[in-house]
């Protein structure tokens, strides 16, 4: 029986990409926007504790795509699209003819936050064992000509050990919506994206970035009002945003 599973409306947080042929070519990229995972094949379910889905196993054929939308335009993202090394921080990328770019297979690992149809929020750890970045990405620009979003699509495959896609799900326990983000001081324009550190408290306790929440930023390069958004991870769920000003340095 052929089945298709679509898993959209997830926040992709700090996804780790590792070149399968060169493990030193690895980077953690804060994509921080919607993730859509669509996989199809003859399916076998394995359940974890408390009846939650822990792993999805497929019989042949195994097919699928992973789509990521991001507003974070880093050199790592550009190197990914140009077929370069993720570790190259030389502020230079070379886009050649699409047919000649040496796209690579990556293992992708990351945590996502997902809400089901009943409104229950889950944390999920997703592992895609073999993913090939496809050349048909799309870029949206703002009025100043700066990229505002990049949509990247990966084609999924089975690795040499027969692994395809694993999903470990756990129910989130604490809503981060009521957290307090301390006022963020004005930041001076530098020409690059500005990502000030945040102080976040909930019920009198200070939360830790990367452990309790991930941070995404938008409109944070040019003079104006920027936004920082925290997304609960591990034992936390939900989102909370705060704004700060970017001022001219002249």
C-alpha atoms as a PDB file:
ATOM      1  CA  UNK A   1       0.000   0.000   0.000  1.00  0.00           C
ATOM      2  CA  UNK A   2       1.375   3.383  -0.996  1.00  0.00           C
ATOM      3  CA  UNK A   3       1.288   6.082   1.668  1.00  0.00           C
ATOM      4  CA  UNK A   4       2.310   9.709   1.671  1.00  0.00           C
ATOM      5  CA  UNK A   5       3.001  11.681   4.828  1.00  0.00           C
ATOM      6  CA  UNK A   6       3.248  15.455   4.831  1.00  0.00           C
ATOM      7  CA  UNK A   7       4.678  17.202   7.845  1.00  0.00           C
ATOM      8  CA  UNK A   8       4.455  20.950   7.401  1.00  0.00           C
ATOM      9  CA  UNK A   9       4.172  23.991   9.655  1.00  0.00           C
ATOM     10  CA  UNK A  10       7.247  23.160  11.664  1.00  0.00           C
ATOM     11  CA  UNK A  11       9.908  25.567  12.815  1.00  0.00           C
ATOM     12  CA  UNK A  12      13.328  24.373  11.678  1.00  0.00           C
ATOM     13  CA  UNK A  13      15.783  25.135  14.424  1.00  0.00           C
ATOM     14  CA  UNK A  14      19.546  24.867  14.276  1.00  0.00           C
ATOM     15  CA  UNK A  15      19.675  22.140  11.661  1.00  0.00           C
ATOM     16  CA  UNK A  16      23.024  20.357  11.481  1.00  0.00           C
ATOM     17  CA  UNK A  17      24.161  19.458   7.955  1.00  0.00           C
ATOM     18  CA  UNK A  18      27.057  17.046   7.465  1.00  0.00           C
ATOM     19  CA  UNK A  19      28.550  16.169   4.106  1.00  0.00           C
ATOM     20  CA  UNK A  20      28.298  12.377   3.935  1.00  0.00           C
ATOM     21  CA  UNK A  21      31.620  12.053   2.085  1.00  0.00           C
ATOM     22  CA  UNK A  22      33.467  14.592   4.222  1.00  0.00           C
ATOM     23  CA  UNK A  23      32.390  14.831   7.865  1.00  0.00           C
ATOM     24  CA  UNK A  24      34.643  17.856   8.373  1.00  0.00           C
ATOM     25  CA  UNK A  25      32.343  19.720   5.971  1.00  0.00           C
ATOM     26  CA  UNK A  26      29.627  20.266   8.568  1.00  0.00           C
ATOM     27  CA  UNK A  27      27.753  23.222   9.981  1.00  0.00           C
ATOM     28  CA  UNK A  28      24.816  24.075  12.200  1.00  0.00           C
ATOM     29  CA  UNK A  29      22.554  26.483  10.338  1.00  0.00           C
ATOM     30  CA  UNK A  30      19.717  28.387  11.983  1.00  0.00           C
ATOM     31  CA  UNK A  31      17.126  28.096   9.218  1.00  0.00           C
ATOM     32  CA  UNK A  32      14.430  29.195  11.660  1.00  0.00           C
ATOM     33  CA  UNK A  33      11.339  29.100   9.527  1.00  0.00           C
ATOM     34  CA  UNK A  34       8.866  26.634   8.094  1.00  0.00           C
ATOM     35  CA  UNK A  35       9.924  23.068   7.409  1.00  0.00           C
ATOM     36  CA  UNK A  36       7.894  20.724   5.227  1.00  0.00           C
ATOM     37  CA  UNK A  37       8.800  17.040   5.132  1.00  0.00           C
ATOM     38  CA  UNK A  38       6.956  14.900   2.589  1.00  0.00           C
ATOM     39  CA  UNK A  39       7.815  11.224   2.398  1.00  0.00           C
ATOM     40  CA  UNK A  40       6.128   8.357   0.626  1.00  0.00           C
ATOM     41  CA  UNK A  41       6.485   4.615   0.330  1.00  0.00           C
ATOM     42  CA  UNK A  42       5.201   1.377   1.805  1.00  0.00           C
ATOM     43  CA  UNK A  43       5.083   2.202   5.471  1.00  0.00           C
ATOM     44  CA  UNK A  44       5.644   0.418   8.769  1.00  0.00           C
ATOM     45  CA  UNK A  45       4.983   2.230  12.055  1.00  0.00           C
ATOM     46  CA  UNK A  46       6.977   1.813  15.243  1.00  0.00           C
ATOM     47  CA  UNK A  47       5.612   3.511  18.355  1.00  0.00           C
ATOM     48  CA  UNK A  48       7.507   4.919  21.274  1.00  0.00           C
ATOM     49  CA  UNK A  49       6.533   5.591  24.875  1.00  0.00           C
ATOM     50  CA  UNK A  50       3.011   6.735  25.712  1.00  0.00           C
ATOM     51  CA  UNK A  51       1.863   5.806  22.239  1.00  0.00           C
ATOM     52  CA  UNK A  52       3.742   8.621  20.529  1.00  0.00           C
ATOM     53  CA  UNK A  53       5.277   8.017  17.142  1.00  0.00           C
ATOM     54  CA  UNK A  54       8.996   7.513  17.572  1.00  0.00           C
ATOM     55  CA  UNK A  55      10.166   6.289  14.194  1.00  0.00           C
ATOM     56  CA  UNK A  56       8.828   5.980  10.674  1.00  0.00           C
ATOM     57  CA  UNK A  57      10.277   3.060   8.742  1.00  0.00           C
ATOM     58  CA  UNK A  58       9.729   2.484   5.031  1.00  0.00           C
ATOM     59  CA  UNK A  59       9.893  -0.437   2.691  1.00  0.00           C
ATOM     60  CA  UNK A  60      10.873   0.169  -0.919  1.00  0.00           C
ATOM     61  CA  UNK A  61      10.340   2.443  -2.693  1.00  0.00           C
ATOM     62  CA  UNK A  62      11.474   5.185  -0.370  1.00  0.00           C
ATOM     63  CA  UNK A  63      10.905   8.672  -1.768  1.00  0.00           C
ATOM     64  CA  UNK A  64      10.634  12.091  -0.281  1.00  0.00           C
ATOM     65  CA  UNK A  65      11.481  15.761  -0.154  1.00  0.00           C
ATOM     66  CA  UNK A  66      12.469  18.148   2.598  1.00  0.00           C
ATOM     67  CA  UNK A  67      11.621  21.803   2.004  1.00  0.00           C
ATOM     68  CA  UNK A  68      12.993  24.588   4.162  1.00  0.00           C
ATOM     69  CA  UNK A  69      12.014  28.258   4.084  1.00  0.00           C
ATOM     70  CA  UNK A  70      14.453  30.597   5.788  1.00  0.00           C
ATOM     71  CA  UNK A  71      14.842  34.323   6.336  1.00  0.00           C
ATOM     72  CA  UNK A  72      18.397  33.859   7.557  1.00  0.00           C
ATOM     73  CA  UNK A  73      20.803  34.475   4.691  1.00  0.00           C
ATOM     74  CA  UNK A  74      24.205  33.364   5.982  1.00  0.00           C
ATOM     75  CA  UNK A  75      27.353  32.446   4.094  1.00  0.00           C
ATOM     76  CA  UNK A  76      26.688  28.833   5.055  1.00  0.00           C
ATOM     77  CA  UNK A  77      23.325  28.968   3.263  1.00  0.00           C
ATOM     78  CA  UNK A  78      24.943  30.543   0.209  1.00  0.00           C
ATOM     79  CA  UNK A  79      27.735  27.929   0.185  1.00  0.00           C
ATOM     80  CA  UNK A  80      25.081  25.217   0.414  1.00  0.00           C
ATOM     81  CA  UNK A  81      23.305  26.586  -2.652  1.00  0.00           C
ATOM     82  CA  UNK A  82      26.560  27.110  -4.557  1.00  0.00           C
ATOM     83  CA  UNK A  83      27.916  23.630  -3.828  1.00  0.00           C
ATOM     84  CA  UNK A  84      30.795  24.965  -1.736  1.00  0.00           C
ATOM     85  CA  UNK A  85      32.101  23.849   1.659  1.00  0.00           C
ATOM     86  CA  UNK A  86      29.826  24.789   4.543  1.00  0.00           C
ATOM     87  CA  UNK A  87      32.912  25.652   6.578  1.00  0.00           C
ATOM     88  CA  UNK A  88      34.078  28.273   4.045  1.00  0.00           C
ATOM     89  CA  UNK A  89      33.619  31.708   5.635  1.00  0.00           C
ATOM     90  CA  UNK A  90      35.559  33.643   3.005  1.00  0.00           C
ATOM     91  CA  UNK A  91      32.537  35.817   2.099  1.00  0.00           C
ATOM     92  CA  UNK A  92      32.770  34.598  -1.478  1.00  0.00           C
ATOM     93  CA  UNK A  93      30.624  32.125  -3.349  1.00  0.00           C
ATOM     94  CA  UNK A  94      30.716  31.098  -6.978  1.00  0.00           C
ATOM     95  CA  UNK A  95      27.507  30.187  -8.788  1.00  0.00           C
ATOM     96  CA  UNK A  96      28.256  28.198 -11.924  1.00  0.00           C
ATOM     97  CA  UNK A  97      25.955  26.735 -14.525  1.00  0.00           C
ATOM     98  CA  UNK A  98      23.305  24.670 -12.671  1.00  0.00           C
ATOM     99  CA  UNK A  99      24.290  21.529 -14.518  1.00  0.00           C
ATOM    100  CA  UNK A 100      27.901  21.813 -13.370  1.00  0.00           C
ATOM    101  CA  UNK A 101      27.451  22.515  -9.656  1.00  0.00           C
ATOM    102  CA  UNK A 102      28.688  19.563  -7.608  1.00  0.00           C
ATOM    103  CA  UNK A 103      25.763  19.232  -5.243  1.00  0.00           C
ATOM    104  CA  UNK A 104      26.460  16.970  -2.296  1.00  0.00           C
ATOM    105  CA  UNK A 105      24.572  14.514  -0.121  1.00  0.00           C
ATOM    106  CA  UNK A 106      24.096  15.659   3.460  1.00  0.00           C
ATOM    107  CA  UNK A 107      22.890  14.064   6.651  1.00  0.00           C
ATOM    108  CA  UNK A 108      20.494  16.521   8.296  1.00  0.00           C
ATOM    109  CA  UNK A 109      19.721  16.525  12.008  1.00  0.00           C
ATOM    110  CA  UNK A 110      17.619  18.997  13.886  1.00  0.00           C
ATOM    111  CA  UNK A 111      14.880  19.775  16.372  1.00  0.00           C
ATOM    112  CA  UNK A 112      11.481  21.052  15.320  1.00  0.00           C
ATOM    113  CA  UNK A 113       8.370  22.239  17.105  1.00  0.00           C
ATOM    114  CA  UNK A 114       5.061  20.978  15.747  1.00  0.00           C
ATOM    115  CA  UNK A 115       1.384  21.367  16.711  1.00  0.00           C
ATOM    116  CA  UNK A 116      -1.093  18.605  15.877  1.00  0.00           C
ATOM    117  CA  UNK A 117      -4.736  19.000  14.838  1.00  0.00           C
ATOM    118  CA  UNK A 118      -5.853  18.919  18.470  1.00  0.00           C
ATOM    119  CA  UNK A 119      -3.534  21.770  19.393  1.00  0.00           C
ATOM    120  CA  UNK A 120      -1.015  19.637  21.315  1.00  0.00           C
ATOM    121  CA  UNK A 121       2.521  20.935  20.856  1.00  0.00           C
ATOM    122  CA  UNK A 122       5.357  18.455  20.399  1.00  0.00           C
ATOM    123  CA  UNK A 123       9.096  18.675  20.206  1.00  0.00           C
ATOM    124  CA  UNK A 124      10.518  16.483  17.474  1.00  0.00           C
ATOM    125  CA  UNK A 125      14.024  15.372  16.679  1.00  0.00           C
ATOM    126  CA  UNK A 126      14.249  14.650  12.961  1.00  0.00           C
ATOM    127  CA  UNK A 127      17.118  12.823  11.276  1.00  0.00           C
ATOM    128  CA  UNK A 128      17.314  12.716   7.484  1.00  0.00           C
ATOM    129  CA  UNK A 129      20.137  10.325   6.678  1.00  0.00           C
ATOM    130  CA  UNK A 130      20.779  11.249   3.033  1.00  0.00           C
ATOM    131  CA  UNK A 131      19.560  14.450   1.387  1.00  0.00           C
ATOM    132  CA  UNK A 132      20.618  16.020  -1.901  1.00  0.00           C
ATOM    133  CA  UNK A 133      20.110  19.754  -2.208  1.00  0.00           C
ATOM    134  CA  UNK A 134      18.260  20.483  -5.447  1.00  0.00           C
ATOM    135  CA  UNK A 135      19.121  23.423  -7.726  1.00  0.00           C
ATOM    136  CA  UNK A 136      15.535  24.677  -7.958  1.00  0.00           C
ATOM    137  CA  UNK A 137      15.661  26.955  -4.909  1.00  0.00           C
ATOM    138  CA  UNK A 138      13.813  30.274  -4.945  1.00  0.00           C
ATOM    139  CA  UNK A 139      14.696  33.641  -3.441  1.00  0.00           C
ATOM    140  CA  UNK A 140      12.380  36.509  -2.499  1.00  0.00           C
ATOM    141  CA  UNK A 141      13.778  40.038  -2.244  1.00  0.00           C
ATOM    142  CA  UNK A 142      12.626  43.190  -0.474  1.00  0.00           C
ATOM    143  CA  UNK A 143      12.442  46.708  -1.902  1.00  0.00           C
ATOM    144  CA  UNK A 144      16.137  47.293  -1.196  1.00  0.00           C
ATOM    145  CA  UNK A 145      17.183  44.223  -3.132  1.00  0.00           C
ATOM    146  CA  UNK A 146      18.112  42.215  -0.044  1.00  0.00           C
ATOM    147  CA  UNK A 147      17.036  38.566   0.247  1.00  0.00           C
ATOM    148  CA  UNK A 148      14.070  38.181   2.611  1.00  0.00           C
ATOM    149  CA  UNK A 149      13.484  34.466   2.226  1.00  0.00           C
ATOM    150  CA  UNK A 150      15.075  31.471   0.552  1.00  0.00           C
ATOM    151  CA  UNK A 151      13.220  28.236  -0.149  1.00  0.00           C
ATOM    152  CA  UNK A 152      15.520  25.217  -0.379  1.00  0.00           C
ATOM    153  CA  UNK A 153      14.422  21.732  -1.414  1.00  0.00           C
ATOM    154  CA  UNK A 154      16.250  18.482  -0.689  1.00  0.00           C
ATOM    155  CA  UNK A 155      15.626  15.118  -2.304  1.00  0.00           C
ATOM    156  CA  UNK A 156      15.700  12.294   0.252  1.00  0.00           C
ATOM    157  CA  UNK A 157      17.431   8.953  -0.289  1.00  0.00           C
ATOM    158  CA  UNK A 158      18.439   5.842   1.658  1.00  0.00           C
ATOM    159  CA  UNK A 159      21.977   5.792   3.034  1.00  0.00           C
ATOM    160  CA  UNK A 160      24.327   2.830   2.670  1.00  0.00           C
ATOM    161  CA  UNK A 161      23.144   1.358   5.999  1.00  0.00           C
ATOM    162  CA  UNK A 162      19.536   1.404   4.812  1.00  0.00           C
ATOM    163  CA  UNK A 163      18.487   4.368   6.987  1.00  0.00           C
ATOM    164  CA  UNK A 164      15.947   6.825   5.616  1.00  0.00           C
ATOM    165  CA  UNK A 165      14.141   9.191   8.017  1.00  0.00           C
ATOM    166  CA  UNK A 166      13.745   8.960  11.807  1.00  0.00           C
ATOM    167  CA  UNK A 167      11.431  11.101  13.924  1.00  0.00           C
ATOM    168  CA  UNK A 168      11.490  11.105  17.730  1.00  0.00           C
ATOM    169  CA  UNK A 169       8.582  12.968  19.268  1.00  0.00           C
ATOM    170  CA  UNK A 170       7.993  14.139  22.820  1.00  0.00           C
ATOM    171  CA  UNK A 171       5.196  16.306  24.137  1.00  0.00           C
ATOM    172  CA  UNK A 172       6.315  19.763  25.155  1.00  0.00           C
ATOM    173  CA  UNK A 173       5.535  20.641  28.753  1.00  0.00           C
ATOM    174  CA  UNK A 174       5.886  24.409  29.231  1.00  0.00           C
ATOM    175  CA  UNK A 175       4.483  27.185  27.045  1.00  0.00           C
ATOM    176  CA  UNK A 176       7.060  29.917  26.464  1.00  0.00           C
ATOM    177  CA  UNK A 177       4.444  32.455  25.371  1.00  0.00           C
ATOM    178  CA  UNK A 178       4.346  34.034  28.839  1.00  0.00           C
ATOM    179  CA  UNK A 179       8.120  34.478  29.006  1.00  0.00           C
ATOM    180  CA  UNK A 180       9.542  37.972  29.500  1.00  0.00           C
ATOM    181  CA  UNK A 181      12.206  39.201  27.071  1.00  0.00           C
ATOM    182  CA  UNK A 182      14.202  42.006  28.658  1.00  0.00           C
ATOM    183  CA  UNK A 183      14.283  45.277  26.667  1.00  0.00           C
ATOM    184  CA  UNK A 184      16.929  45.160  23.943  1.00  0.00           C
ATOM    185  CA  UNK A 185      19.217  48.182  23.678  1.00  0.00           C
ATOM    186  CA  UNK A 186      19.467  50.093  20.399  1.00  0.00           C
ATOM    187  CA  UNK A 187      21.964  48.511  18.027  1.00  0.00           C
ATOM    188  CA  UNK A 188      24.230  50.390  15.613  1.00  0.00           C
ATOM    189  CA  UNK A 189      24.046  49.445  11.940  1.00  0.00           C
ATOM    190  CA  UNK A 190      27.099  47.503  10.750  1.00  0.00           C
ATOM    191  CA  UNK A 191      26.049  46.393   7.271  1.00  0.00           C
ATOM    192  CA  UNK A 192      25.659  42.815   8.500  1.00  0.00           C
ATOM    193  CA  UNK A 193      22.876  41.022  10.317  1.00  0.00           C
ATOM    194  CA  UNK A 194      22.698  42.042  13.990  1.00  0.00           C
ATOM    195  CA  UNK A 195      21.780  39.382  16.541  1.00  0.00           C
ATOM    196  CA  UNK A 196      21.948  40.750  20.090  1.00  0.00           C
ATOM    197  CA  UNK A 197      21.938  38.303  22.981  1.00  0.00           C
ATOM    198  CA  UNK A 198      18.636  38.097  24.834  1.00  0.00           C
ATOM    199  CA  UNK A 199      17.727  37.790  28.480  1.00  0.00           C
ATOM    200  CA  UNK A 200      14.624  35.639  28.832  1.00  0.00           C
ATOM    201  CA  UNK A 201      12.833  34.779  32.068  1.00  0.00           C
ATOM    202  CA  UNK A 202       9.774  32.674  32.792  1.00  0.00           C
ATOM    203  CA  UNK A 203       8.144  32.480  36.218  1.00  0.00           C
ATOM    204  CA  UNK A 204      11.233  34.103  37.700  1.00  0.00           C
ATOM    205  CA  UNK A 205      13.660  31.634  36.133  1.00  0.00           C
ATOM    206  CA  UNK A 206      16.230  32.618  33.514  1.00  0.00           C
ATOM    207  CA  UNK A 207      16.004  30.462  30.390  1.00  0.00           C
ATOM    208  CA  UNK A 208      19.047  29.398  28.360  1.00  0.00           C
ATOM    209  CA  UNK A 209      19.411  29.964  24.615  1.00  0.00           C
ATOM    210  CA  UNK A 210      20.051  26.729  22.744  1.00  0.00           C
ATOM    211  CA  UNK A 211      18.751  24.657  25.657  1.00  0.00           C
ATOM    212  CA  UNK A 212      15.310  26.078  26.426  1.00  0.00           C
ATOM    213  CA  UNK A 213      14.726  28.147  23.314  1.00  0.00           C
ATOM    214  CA  UNK A 214      16.144  29.028  19.917  1.00  0.00           C
ATOM    215  CA  UNK A 215      16.263  32.590  18.599  1.00  0.00           C
ATOM    216  CA  UNK A 216      15.466  33.863  15.124  1.00  0.00           C
ATOM    217  CA  UNK A 217      15.844  37.398  13.828  1.00  0.00           C
ATOM    218  CA  UNK A 218      14.205  39.328  10.998  1.00  0.00           C
ATOM    219  CA  UNK A 219      14.706  42.787   9.447  1.00  0.00           C
ATOM    220  CA  UNK A 220      17.937  42.924  11.433  1.00  0.00           C
ATOM    221  CA  UNK A 221      20.434  44.369   8.950  1.00  0.00           C
ATOM    222  CA  UNK A 222      19.346  47.875   7.975  1.00  0.00           C
ATOM    223  CA  UNK A 223      18.303  50.913  10.018  1.00  0.00           C
ATOM    224  CA  UNK A 224      14.792  50.466  11.385  1.00  0.00           C
ATOM    225  CA  UNK A 225      12.885  48.106  13.651  1.00  0.00           C
ATOM    226  CA  UNK A 226      14.127  44.524  13.911  1.00  0.00           C
ATOM    227  CA  UNK A 227      12.424  41.533  15.491  1.00  0.00           C
ATOM    228  CA  UNK A 228      13.806  38.760  17.666  1.00  0.00           C
ATOM    229  CA  UNK A 229      11.635  35.664  18.104  1.00  0.00           C
ATOM    230  CA  UNK A 230      12.243  32.901  20.608  1.00  0.00           C
ATOM    231  CA  UNK A 231      10.886  29.399  19.964  1.00  0.00           C
ATOM    232  CA  UNK A 232      10.664  26.900  22.808  1.00  0.00           C
ATOM    233  CA  UNK A 233      12.647  23.676  22.441  1.00  0.00           C
ATOM    234  CA  UNK A 234      13.255  20.582  24.576  1.00  0.00           C
ATOM    235  CA  UNK A 235      10.826  21.009  27.514  1.00  0.00           C
ATOM    236  CA  UNK A 236       9.363  24.241  26.160  1.00  0.00           C
ATOM    237  CA  UNK A 237       7.011  25.131  23.315  1.00  0.00           C
ATOM    238  CA  UNK A 238       5.453  28.193  21.707  1.00  0.00           C
ATOM    239  CA  UNK A 239       6.937  31.475  20.518  1.00  0.00           C
ATOM    240  CA  UNK A 240       7.435  35.007  21.807  1.00  0.00           C
ATOM    241  CA  UNK A 241       8.758  38.066  19.942  1.00  0.00           C
ATOM    242  CA  UNK A 242      10.377  41.361  20.868  1.00  0.00           C
ATOM    243  CA  UNK A 243      11.535  44.304  18.758  1.00  0.00           C
ATOM    244  CA  UNK A 244      14.637  46.459  18.882  1.00  0.00           C
ATOM    245  CA  UNK A 245      15.928  49.455  16.959  1.00  0.00           C
ATOM    246  CA  UNK A 246      18.857  49.534  14.553  1.00  0.00           C
ATOM    247  CA  UNK A 247      20.249  53.054  14.300  1.00  0.00           C
ATOM    248  CA  UNK A 248      22.668  54.653  11.885  1.00  0.00           C
ATOM    249  CA  UNK A 249      26.303  54.773  12.867  1.00  0.00           C
ATOM    250  CA  UNK A 250      26.938  58.015  10.984  1.00  0.00           C
END
